[in-house]
Amino acid sequence: MLSGLAVSLFYEIIQFTTALGSFDVDDLILNVTGAALGFLPVKAVLSIRQRQSK
């Protein structure tokens, strides 16, 4: 999740400094939420696979 925040923040800072887009805190919140929601199924699948291999 931290990497999702870092990448999103990087893009927002680039947009802000180059004026190629608009800096929006909502984008950060939604991107971090999306990263978290994507991480949870991956974590669940890896946990199930680990149990099955024992």
Foldseek 3Di string as FASTA:
>chain_A
DVVQLVVQVVVLVVCVVVVPHHRDVVSSVVSVVVVVVVVVVVVVVVVVVVVVVD
